[in-house]
N, C-alpha and C. Protein backbone atom coordinates (compact mmCIF):
# COMPACT_ATOMS: atom_id res chain seq x y z
N MET A 1 7.75 -5.54 -23.80
CA MET A 1 6.57 -5.78 -23.04
C MET A 1 6.73 -5.66 -21.59
N VAL A 2 7.09 -7.25 -21.85
CA VAL A 2 8.11 -7.63 -20.10
C VAL A 2 8.81 -6.50 -19.11
N VAL A 3 9.29 -5.79 -19.79
CA VAL A 3 10.19 -4.71 -19.48
C VAL A 3 9.43 -3.51 -18.64
N ALA A 4 8.46 -3.39 -19.80
CA ALA A 4 8.02 -2.44 -18.94
C ALA A 4 6.76 -2.70 -18.09
N SER A 5 6.51 -3.71 -18.08
CA SER A 5 5.83 -3.59 -16.82
C SER A 5 6.79 -3.81 -16.09
N ALA A 6 7.73 -4.48 -15.81
CA ALA A 6 8.88 -4.76 -14.76
C ALA A 6 8.83 -3.31 -14.14
N VAL A 7 8.86 -2.13 -14.93
CA VAL A 7 9.36 -0.48 -14.63
C VAL A 7 8.13 -0.43 -14.05
N VAL A 8 6.74 -0.45 -14.55
CA VAL A 8 5.52 -0.70 -14.28
C VAL A 8 5.13 -0.53 -12.90
N PHE A 9 5.48 -2.09 -12.23
CA PHE A 9 5.47 -2.13 -10.98
C PHE A 9 6.20 -2.09 -10.11
N VAL A 10 7.91 -1.81 -10.78
CA VAL A 10 8.50 -1.38 -9.33
C VAL A 10 8.44 -0.15 -8.91
N VAL A 11 7.87 0.88 -9.92
CA VAL A 11 7.99 2.25 -9.87
C VAL A 11 6.09 2.54 -8.81
N SER A 12 5.48 1.64 -9.11
CA SER A 12 4.34 1.17 -8.32
C SER A 12 4.40 1.37 -6.91
N LEU A 13 5.45 0.46 -6.80
CA LEU A 13 5.61 -0.58 -5.29
C LEU A 13 6.43 0.53 -4.67
N LEU A 14 7.62 1.24 -5.46
CA LEU A 14 8.09 2.40 -4.89
C LEU A 14 6.90 3.76 -4.57
N ILE A 15 6.09 3.32 -5.16
CA ILE A 15 5.17 5.12 -4.11
C ILE A 15 4.17 4.62 -3.69
N GLY A 16 4.38 3.21 -3.61
CA GLY A 16 3.39 2.67 -2.29
C GLY A 16 4.49 2.46 -1.10
N ALA A 17 5.61 2.05 -0.89
CA ALA A 17 6.26 1.72 -0.05
C ALA A 17 7.01 3.59 0.30
N LEU A 18 6.88 4.23 -0.17
CA LEU A 18 7.25 5.85 0.46
C LEU A 18 5.98 6.23 1.05
N GLY A 19 4.22 5.76 0.61
CA GLY A 19 3.55 5.94 1.09
C GLY A 19 3.18 5.33 2.81
N ILE A 20 3.65 4.26 2.80
CA ILE A 20 4.11 3.36 3.91
C ILE A 20 4.90 3.89 4.70
N TYR A 21 6.37 3.99 4.52
CA TYR A 21 6.97 4.88 4.82
C TYR A 21 6.38 5.94 6.02
N ILE A 22 6.22 6.64 5.39
CA ILE A 22 5.48 8.63 5.97
C ILE A 22 5.22 8.17 6.75
N GLY A 23 3.64 6.85 6.66
CA GLY A 23 2.26 7.32 7.82
C GLY A 23 3.57 6.23 8.71
N ALA A 24 4.22 4.60 8.96
CA ALA A 24 5.59 4.59 9.78
C ALA A 24 6.08 5.82 10.47
N ARG A 25 6.95 6.57 9.76
CA ARG A 25 7.26 7.63 10.92
C ARG A 25 6.17 8.17 11.01
N ILE A 26 5.35 8.51 10.91
CA ILE A 26 4.76 9.76 11.77
C ILE A 26 4.01 9.01 12.36
N ILE A 27 3.33 7.59 12.44
CA ILE A 27 2.73 7.45 13.51
C ILE A 27 3.79 6.39 14.48
N VAL A 28 4.93 5.39 14.25
CA VAL A 28 5.73 4.72 15.22
C VAL A 28 6.76 4.94 15.38
N GLY A 29 7.45 6.03 14.56
CA GLY A 29 9.17 6.61 14.13
C GLY A 29 9.71 5.27 13.54
N GLU A 30 9.34 4.64 13.01
CA GLU A 30 10.37 3.81 11.57
C GLU A 30 10.71 4.36 10.77
N ARG A 31 11.78 4.34 10.07
CA ARG A 31 12.70 5.63 9.40
C ARG A 31 12.32 4.25 8.55
N SER A 32 13.29 3.05 7.94
CA SER A 32 13.41 2.56 7.77
C SER A 32 12.82 2.21 6.03
N PHE A 33 13.20 3.03 4.74
CA PHE A 33 12.46 2.10 4.21
C PHE A 33 12.37 1.26 3.06
N ASP A 34 13.62 0.30 3.36
CA ASP A 34 14.01 -0.75 3.36
C ASP A 34 12.52 -1.75 3.72
N HIS A 35 12.46 -1.06 4.63
CA HIS A 35 11.24 -2.32 4.73
C HIS A 35 9.63 -1.93 5.29
N ALA A 36 9.58 -0.65 4.63
CA ALA A 36 7.89 -0.43 3.71
C ALA A 36 8.34 -0.90 2.49
N ILE A 37 9.43 -0.81 2.07
CA ILE A 37 9.00 -1.91 0.48
C ILE A 37 8.49 -3.08 0.78
N VAL A 38 9.58 -3.12 1.69
CA VAL A 38 8.83 -5.13 1.99
C VAL A 38 7.75 -5.64 2.12
N THR A 39 7.43 -4.45 3.12
CA THR A 39 5.44 -4.05 3.60
C THR A 39 4.47 -4.02 2.52
N ALA A 40 4.54 -3.39 2.05
CA ALA A 40 4.73 -2.53 0.73
C ALA A 40 4.47 -4.23 -0.12
N LEU A 41 5.25 -4.88 -0.62
CA LEU A 41 5.25 -5.53 -1.30
C LEU A 41 4.00 -7.27 -1.24
N PHE A 42 4.18 -6.85 0.18
CA PHE A 42 3.94 -8.26 1.33
C PHE A 42 2.04 -7.92 1.62
N GLY A 43 2.46 -6.33 1.48
CA GLY A 43 0.75 -6.14 1.19
C GLY A 43 0.17 -5.70 0.53
N ALA A 44 0.34 -5.55 -1.05
CA ALA A 44 0.22 -6.04 -2.83
C ALA A 44 -0.64 -7.68 -2.69
N ILE A 45 0.45 -8.72 -1.86
CA ILE A 45 0.17 -9.87 -2.33
C ILE A 45 -1.00 -10.92 -1.54
N ILE A 46 -1.03 -9.92 -0.38
CA ILE A 46 -1.65 -10.51 0.73
C ILE A 46 -3.87 -9.90 0.28
N TRP A 47 -3.54 -8.76 -0.24
CA TRP A 47 -3.95 -7.92 -0.24
C TRP A 47 -4.66 -8.94 -1.73
N ALA A 48 -3.86 -9.14 -3.03
CA ALA A 48 -4.51 -9.48 -3.95
C ALA A 48 -4.87 -11.25 -3.96
N VAL A 49 -4.52 -11.90 -2.93
CA VAL A 49 -5.04 -12.96 -2.52
C VAL A 49 -6.05 -12.94 -1.74
N VAL A 50 -6.33 -11.92 -0.69
CA VAL A 50 -7.96 -11.85 -0.14
C VAL A 50 -8.66 -11.14 -0.86
N GLY A 51 -8.59 -10.76 -1.84
CA GLY A 51 -8.94 -10.04 -3.37
C GLY A 51 -9.57 -10.91 -3.90
N TYR A 52 -9.03 -11.77 -4.14
CA TYR A 52 -9.42 -12.60 -5.03
C TYR A 52 -10.07 -13.88 -4.75
N LEU A 53 -9.58 -14.30 -3.20
CA LEU A 53 -10.40 -15.64 -2.75
C LEU A 53 -11.95 -14.99 -2.50
N VAL A 54 -12.15 -13.85 -1.80
CA VAL A 54 -13.38 -13.49 -1.65
C VAL A 54 -13.85 -12.34 -1.89
N GLY A 55 -13.27 -11.14 -2.06
CA GLY A 55 -13.32 -10.32 -3.49
C GLY A 55 -14.59 -9.96 -3.12
N TRP A 56 -15.64 -11.20 -4.14
CA TRP A 56 -16.80 -11.35 -4.75
C TRP A 56 -17.80 -11.09 -3.87
N ILE A 57 -18.05 -10.81 -2.80
CA ILE A 57 -18.91 -10.87 -1.84
C ILE A 57 -18.39 -9.03 -1.32
N PRO A 58 -19.87 -9.09 -1.33
CA PRO A 58 -20.18 -7.84 -1.44
C PRO A 58 -20.39 -7.70 0.50
N LEU A 59 -19.04 -6.39 0.22
CA LEU A 59 -19.26 -6.09 1.20
C LEU A 59 -17.89 -6.21 2.07
N PHE A 60 -18.50 -7.63 2.75
CA PHE A 60 -17.59 -8.06 2.90
C PHE A 60 -16.36 -8.72 2.82
N GLY A 61 -15.92 -9.27 1.44
CA GLY A 61 -14.47 -9.37 0.58
C GLY A 61 -13.78 -7.71 0.47
N PRO A 62 -14.50 -7.19 -0.11
CA PRO A 62 -13.42 -6.39 0.39
C PRO A 62 -12.87 -6.07 2.05
N LEU A 63 -13.92 -5.07 2.34
CA LEU A 63 -13.22 -5.21 4.41
C LEU A 63 -12.41 -6.54 4.09
N LEU A 64 -13.00 -7.41 4.52
CA LEU A 64 -11.58 -9.39 4.33
C LEU A 64 -10.51 -8.02 3.71
N ALA A 65 -10.26 -7.88 2.57
CA ALA A 65 -9.33 -7.82 2.31
C ALA A 65 -8.26 -6.31 3.03
N LEU A 66 -8.94 -5.08 3.26
CA LEU A 66 -8.72 -4.57 4.23
C LEU A 66 -8.27 -5.12 5.49
N LEU A 67 -8.86 -5.35 6.17
CA LEU A 67 -8.18 -6.56 7.32
C LEU A 67 -7.34 -6.83 7.40
N ALA A 68 -7.02 -7.69 5.68
CA ALA A 68 -5.65 -8.50 5.76
C ALA A 68 -4.14 -7.43 5.93
N TYR A 69 -4.88 -7.12 4.67
CA TYR A 69 -3.46 -5.49 4.39
C TYR A 69 -3.44 -4.45 6.13
N ILE A 70 -4.21 -4.53 6.44
CA ILE A 70 -3.82 -3.66 8.05
C ILE A 70 -3.27 -5.16 8.56
N ALA A 71 -3.47 -6.48 8.67
CA ALA A 71 -2.76 -6.82 9.72
C ALA A 71 -1.55 -6.97 9.34
N VAL A 72 -1.23 -7.11 7.87
CA VAL A 72 0.53 -7.33 7.30
C VAL A 72 1.13 -6.29 8.08
N ILE A 73 0.60 -5.31 8.01
CA ILE A 73 1.33 -4.07 8.81
C ILE A 73 0.53 -3.88 9.99
N ASN A 74 0.31 -4.59 10.82
CA ASN A 74 0.33 -4.30 12.59
C ASN A 74 0.84 -5.82 12.51
N VAL A 75 1.66 -6.30 11.55
CA VAL A 75 2.75 -7.89 11.87
C VAL A 75 4.32 -7.25 11.47
N ARG A 76 4.09 -6.03 10.03
CA ARG A 76 5.71 -5.54 9.78
C ARG A 76 5.99 -4.30 10.87
N TYR A 77 4.73 -3.91 11.58
CA TYR A 77 6.06 -2.52 12.36
C TYR A 77 5.05 -2.30 13.97
N PRO A 78 6.13 -2.31 14.71
CA PRO A 78 5.93 -2.80 16.48
C PRO A 78 4.52 -1.60 16.74
N ALA A 79 2.39 -2.10 16.39
CA ALA A 79 1.34 -1.37 16.29
C ALA A 79 1.01 -2.06 16.81
N ASP A 80 -0.45 -1.34 17.17
CA ASP A 80 -1.23 -2.47 17.56
C ASP A 80 -2.68 -2.00 16.37
N TRP A 81 -3.24 -2.56 16.47
CA TRP A 81 -4.33 -2.51 15.10
C TRP A 81 -4.53 -0.86 14.93
N THR A 82 -4.89 -0.38 16.03
CA THR A 82 -5.87 1.16 15.92
C THR A 82 -4.26 2.10 15.44
N ALA A 83 -3.11 1.68 15.62
CA ALA A 83 -1.61 2.21 14.65
C ALA A 83 -0.67 1.81 13.25
N ALA A 84 -1.73 0.99 13.79
CA ALA A 84 -1.36 0.14 11.97
C ALA A 84 -2.27 0.63 10.71
N ALA A 85 -3.99 0.52 11.15
CA ALA A 85 -5.03 1.27 10.11
C ALA A 85 -4.39 2.46 10.24
N MET A 86 -4.09 3.10 11.42
CA MET A 86 -2.90 4.82 10.98
C MET A 86 -2.47 4.44 9.93
N ILE A 87 -1.15 4.05 9.68
CA ILE A 87 -0.40 3.80 8.85
C ILE A 87 -0.92 3.93 7.86
N GLY A 88 -2.15 2.49 7.94
CA GLY A 88 -2.93 2.41 6.77
C GLY A 88 -3.14 3.47 5.52
N LEU A 89 -4.15 4.16 6.81
CA LEU A 89 -4.88 5.42 5.83
C LEU A 89 -3.80 6.66 5.92
N VAL A 90 -2.42 6.75 6.45
CA VAL A 90 -1.97 8.27 6.18
C VAL A 90 -1.24 7.90 4.74
N ALA A 91 -0.53 6.48 4.75
CA ALA A 91 -0.40 5.81 3.27
C ALA A 91 -0.98 6.43 1.95
N TRP A 92 -2.15 5.96 2.27
CA TRP A 92 -3.31 6.01 1.36
C TRP A 92 -3.35 7.38 1.23
N VAL A 93 -3.38 8.29 2.03
CA VAL A 93 -3.75 9.70 1.44
C VAL A 93 -2.49 10.03 1.07
N THR A 94 -1.20 9.80 1.65
CA THR A 94 -0.05 10.19 0.65
C THR A 94 0.13 9.73 -0.46
N VAL A 95 -0.59 8.37 -0.93
CA VAL A 95 -0.10 8.23 -1.98
C VAL A 95 -0.61 8.81 -3.08
N LEU A 96 -2.33 9.17 -2.66
CA LEU A 96 -3.34 9.31 -3.30
C LEU A 96 -2.54 10.30 -3.74
N ILE A 97 -2.81 11.81 -2.64
CA ILE A 97 -1.01 13.16 -3.19
C ILE A 97 -0.34 13.49 -4.68
N VAL A 98 0.16 11.84 -4.15
CA VAL A 98 1.86 11.74 -4.80
C VAL A 98 1.47 11.45 -6.39
N LEU A 99 0.24 10.18 -6.26
CA LEU A 99 -0.43 10.49 -8.55
C LEU A 99 -0.77 11.11 -8.31
N TYR A 100 -1.78 12.17 -7.19
CA TYR A 100 -2.46 13.48 -8.43
C TYR A 100 -1.72 14.61 -9.19
N ALA A 101 -0.43 14.37 -8.32
CA ALA A 101 0.61 14.56 -8.96
C ALA A 101 1.32 14.76 -10.07
N LEU A 102 1.70 13.29 -10.15
CA LEU A 102 2.12 12.58 -10.95
C LEU A 102 0.90 12.90 -12.04
N ALA A 103 0.38 12.74 -12.21
CA ALA A 103 -0.92 12.95 -13.27
C ALA A 103 -1.32 14.11 -13.87
N ALA A 104 -1.21 14.89 -12.39
CA ALA A 104 -1.41 15.68 -13.08
C ALA A 104 -0.04 16.91 -14.10
N ILE A 105 1.05 15.68 -14.17
CA ILE A 105 2.65 16.53 -14.73
C ILE A 105 2.09 15.33 -16.08
N GLY A 106 1.54 14.57 -15.70
CA GLY A 106 1.08 13.93 -17.53
C GLY A 106 2.17 12.55 -16.54
N ILE A 107 2.40 12.15 -16.25
CA ILE A 107 4.20 11.11 -16.33
C ILE A 107 3.06 10.29 -15.45
N THR A 108 1.90 9.90 -14.86
CA THR A 108 1.66 8.19 -14.52
C THR A 108 0.26 8.43 -14.13
N GLY A 109 -0.78 6.90 -14.10
CA GLY A 109 -2.16 7.08 -14.29
C GLY A 109 -2.12 7.38 -12.28
N PHE A 110 -3.52 7.16 -11.84
CA PHE A 110 -4.08 6.90 -10.80
C PHE A 110 -3.85 5.26 -9.99
N GLU A 111 -2.44 4.79 -9.68
CA GLU A 111 -2.61 3.71 -9.54
C GLU A 111 -1.04 3.17 -8.84
N ALA A 112 -1.47 2.23 -7.08
CA ALA A 112 0.11 1.98 -7.67
C ALA A 112 0.00 1.05 -6.37
N VAL A 113 1.38 -0.55 -6.31
CA VAL A 113 1.33 -1.38 -5.58
C VAL A 113 1.29 -0.96 -4.03
N GLY A 114 1.35 -1.98 -3.52
CA GLY A 114 1.52 -2.17 -2.01
C GLY A 114 0.34 -0.75 -0.83
N VAL A 115 -0.42 -0.10 -2.04
CA VAL A 115 -1.26 0.25 -1.14
C VAL A 115 -3.00 0.40 -1.92
N PRO A 116 -3.66 -0.21 -1.24
CA PRO A 116 -5.01 -0.90 -1.83
C PRO A 116 -6.03 0.29 -2.00
N GLY A 117 -6.30 0.34 -3.25
CA GLY A 117 -7.60 1.64 -3.51
C GLY A 117 -6.94 2.77 -3.95
N VAL A 118 -6.07 2.34 -4.15
CA VAL A 118 -5.35 4.32 -5.09
C VAL A 118 -4.66 3.52 -6.52
């Protein structure tokens, strides 16, 4: 059970990192997948912590969690807040497409670590 959970976590993290990698490559020209993996991991941790602390507050809680996630991208990549938000948006769309394709062929469900709301 623990091994299966670890495999699901790692695969989900890699899918989330792929989204961030594609977003960062398109928006700021960053070409390091390793950097995207660490960003996805930090983003997931920050999203979870902020969501746990204030996520219960209607509208404000999820918005703060999203801003915290974008802040992680902003710190990890040489970009301003707008570019960080665009990286996050491209990551979200990319992960949505990958998860849809994987779910359509019966491999996985619609969830990934490192990209919120997917």
